[in-house]
Amino acid sequence: MRMPVQDVLDLMIRGAATALFCLWIAILWRDYRNILSARVAIAMNFAIIAYLLAPAFRPASPFSFPFVVVDALSLAVPALFWLFARLWFDDRQRIDWRDGLLMVGFAALLLAQVAAIVTTGWFSWEIMLLVRIGMLGFALGGIWIAWRGRAADLIEERRSFRLAVVGAIGGFIMWIIFIEMFPSRDMNHDLRQMVTLPAIVIATFIVSVGLYRFRSAELFAAPDAAPQRVEAEPAAPSGLARRLQAVMAEERAYRAEGFSIAALAAQLGEPEYRVRRAINGEMGFRNFTAFLNSFRLEEVCAALADPAQQSVPILTIAIDAGFGSLGPFNRAFRDAEGMTPSEYRAARLGTRD
């Protein structure tokens, strides 16, 4: 019995895409396996492979255990995509407890569905509805994270990579979520293949192009490598780097509300790409917000250690330094100093007494 041409194409495309994602896994494991965001990317790729291979596990009779497990793993793609975007684009080295809670809650839904199928032979429409809503939310969240932070990203390779590859993966996920929302009785097999195969081809092509950019050592932040502003480390800092230092440290441009890299470039009279290159290449920062916060935190730390400002509220000090609200300030301070602002003030003023 000859296999239909469309089925042959489906098999070839899924096989080629699987090989590509296996290659991506191998590159990530070889070069970046000690970095959390890379490990999450590996898990995401395994889940994508599960989706690509799921038809091979689909039996003539529904709800076989291997297919249920592979299908559940493929449903985790949007959540892993969102977590990868969250860690990679924000240069995070650990998973925030709120993010972890979201992931655990979504995993619990998937496990509940698997348990329902294994024990009763039927899946729960109520749980599946919650799973689909969660998948849609995670996919949109990952795309938003990639779009939101593009202006502050100082890694040129990652700036171009984020919209291309994340757009491809995010768009592919959104497309598949839309297709899978139709029950099989409403969309025949040929039509499913017709709309799914182009999505696989496009996403695979864009990822294959983006793979070359993973050769850059700067794409992932090294563990425990918080940006450090070095005053006189470079033997001969460029004129632009010296002007940057003067504008930030002496004129305190970082205090301005909504201060952006475009505003800084305009103030310096330089193209944005040159300013990005100087901040990243000469000052060692991967993100413009981290660059601003280094100056803001230096001012805050000096104020907290000053006995003359002991009665000044911490929130006032933070806002004066350019922080827009208490939440981001507290997180940035804890990440930089390993303690809360109150603990820092008590420790510094206590040593002076």
Foldseek 3Di string as FASTA:
>chain_A
DDDDPLVVLLVVLLVVLLVLLVVLLVLLCVQPVQAPLSVLSNLLSVLCNLVSCLVVVQDPDPLDLVSLVSVLSVLCNLLSLLVSLVCQLVLDRDDDVVSVVLSVVLVVLSVVQNVCCVVPVDGDPVSVVVSLVSSVVSLVNSLCSLVVQLQFFLPVLCSVLSCQLSVLSSVLSVQVSVLVVDPCVVPDPVRSSVSNSVSSVRNSVSVVVSSVSSVDPPSHDDPPCQFDFDDCPDPDQDPLLVVVCCCCQPVVPLLDEPDGLVNVCVVVVHDSNVVSCSCCVVGPDRTNVSVSVVSLVVQLLVLLLDPVNVVPDSQVSSNSSRDPDDVVVQVSNCSVPVDGSVVSSCVNNVVVD
